[in-house]
Structure formats: structure tokens, C-alpha cells
């Protein structure tokens, strides 16, 4: 799996001009700071080998079938009991 970033990934807060009343500009600066933090987190995740590996596993068509079999049963219960969950985990780990 190869992930390509398109566009400018430079810091938004450093490049964007701040205009207007101080309250509005403070809010705009806070928003730009949040956007930069989100961008940095996303880029970090995309460059993380464990995250990349997890994405490859859940993107695999065979994995979606395994995940569906682990879904809740419609037998009137609120959830899956521990023994059923352990059994399903063992089956899907093979």
C-alpha cells in the first residue's frame, strides 16, 4: 500500500495572515493551530508502520468477512458473552 500526499503540507498557521478584530483573529489563530495539529497527526499516522500495517489488514477483503462473523448475534441478547468472543477470536486467529 502506498499513500501519497497531494498539496502543500506546510504549516497553515505560519503562512496565513491574521486580520480583523483581536477576538476574531484569536479564534482564527486557534483554528489554524488545530488544523496544523490535525495535519501533523495525520501525517504521523501515515508514516507509522504499525498504522500502515493495520490499514492493510482491515482493507483486505478477507478481513471484512472475518470482522462480520465477529458481529453481534440477533438472539435477543445485549452483547456477546466472554466465551463466545474468545471462541470467535480463536477461530479467526487461525
Protein backbone atom coordinates (compact mmCIF):
# COMPACT_ATOMS: atom_id res chain seq x y z
CA UNK A 1 0.00 0.00 0.00
CA UNK A 2 1.40 3.38 -0.99
CA UNK A 3 0.00 6.66 0.35
CA UNK A 4 0.78 9.88 -1.50
CA UNK A 5 0.26 13.35 -0.07
CA UNK A 6 -1.08 15.86 -2.54
CA UNK A 7 -0.82 19.58 -1.98
CA UNK A 8 1.13 21.78 0.32
CA UNK A 9 1.81 20.25 3.72
CA UNK A 10 3.49 23.31 5.16
CA UNK A 11 2.20 24.82 8.36
CA UNK A 12 -1.05 26.73 7.89
CA UNK A 13 -0.61 28.91 10.97
CA UNK A 14 2.79 30.14 9.86
CA UNK A 15 1.62 31.13 6.37
CA UNK A 16 -1.88 32.53 6.91
CA UNK A 17 -2.30 36.24 7.59
CA UNK A 18 -4.18 37.29 10.71
CA UNK A 19 -6.71 40.12 10.16
CA UNK A 20 -9.70 41.70 11.85
CA UNK A 21 -10.60 42.36 15.46
CA UNK A 22 -8.47 40.71 18.10
CA UNK A 23 -11.21 38.26 19.21
CA UNK A 24 -11.81 37.09 15.64
CA UNK A 25 -8.10 36.86 14.89
CA UNK A 26 -7.51 34.93 18.12
CA UNK A 27 -10.25 32.48 17.13
CA UNK A 28 -8.80 32.20 13.61
CA UNK A 29 -5.34 31.56 15.07
CA UNK A 30 -6.75 28.87 17.34
CA UNK A 31 -8.48 27.20 14.39
CA UNK A 32 -5.29 27.32 12.29
CA UNK A 33 -3.36 25.81 15.22
CA UNK A 34 -5.95 22.99 15.49
CA UNK A 35 -5.76 22.36 11.74
CA UNK A 36 -1.96 22.19 11.91
CA UNK A 37 -2.15 19.75 14.83
CA UNK A 38 -4.62 17.56 12.91
CA UNK A 39 -2.43 17.65 9.80
CA UNK A 40 0.68 16.71 11.79
CA UNK A 41 -1.19 13.85 13.48
CA UNK A 42 -2.47 12.54 10.13
CA UNK A 43 0.98 12.70 8.55
CA UNK A 44 2.49 10.97 11.56
CA UNK A 45 -0.11 8.20 11.33
CA UNK A 46 0.51 7.76 7.60
CA UNK A 47 4.24 7.38 8.24
CA UNK A 48 3.75 4.93 11.14
CA UNK A 49 4.48 1.33 10.13
CA UNK A 50 2.08 -0.17 12.68
CA UNK A 51 -0.75 2.08 11.47
CA UNK A 52 0.06 1.27 7.84
CA UNK A 53 0.03 -2.43 8.64
CA UNK A 54 -3.33 -2.14 10.39
CA UNK A 55 -4.78 -0.28 7.39
CA UNK A 56 -3.58 -3.02 5.06
CA UNK A 57 -5.15 -5.69 7.26
CA UNK A 58 -8.56 -4.04 7.51
CA UNK A 59 -8.51 -3.15 3.80
CA UNK A 60 -8.10 -6.82 2.88
CA UNK A 61 -11.41 -8.22 1.52
CA UNK A 62 -10.90 -11.43 3.52
CA UNK A 63 -10.65 -9.44 6.74
CA UNK A 64 -14.06 -7.87 6.25
CA UNK A 65 -15.65 -11.32 6.28
CA UNK A 66 -13.84 -12.19 9.49
CA UNK A 67 -14.99 -8.94 11.08
CA UNK A 68 -18.58 -9.62 10.06
CA UNK A 69 -18.56 -13.02 11.76
CA UNK A 70 -17.48 -11.30 14.96
CA UNK A 71 -20.55 -9.01 14.85
CA UNK A 72 -23.35 -9.19 17.41
CA UNK A 73 -25.85 -12.01 17.08
CA UNK A 74 -29.52 -11.10 16.86
CA UNK A 75 -30.65 -13.54 19.53
CA UNK A 76 -32.18 -11.01 21.89
CA UNK A 77 -29.04 -10.52 23.96
CA UNK A 78 -27.43 -7.15 24.50
CA UNK A 79 -23.95 -8.40 23.60
CA UNK A 80 -21.64 -11.36 23.17
CA UNK A 81 -20.57 -13.31 26.23
CA UNK A 82 -16.88 -13.81 27.00
CA UNK A 83 -16.74 -17.47 25.95
CA UNK A 84 -18.33 -16.73 22.57
CA UNK A 85 -15.93 -13.84 22.00
CA UNK A 86 -12.92 -16.00 22.91
CA UNK A 87 -14.15 -18.78 20.65
CA UNK A 88 -14.62 -16.43 17.71
CA UNK A 89 -11.22 -14.86 18.32
CA UNK A 90 -9.60 -18.30 18.30
CA UNK A 91 -11.39 -19.24 15.06
CA UNK A 92 -10.34 -16.04 13.33
CA UNK A 93 -6.74 -16.20 14.55
CA UNK A 94 -6.01 -19.39 12.61
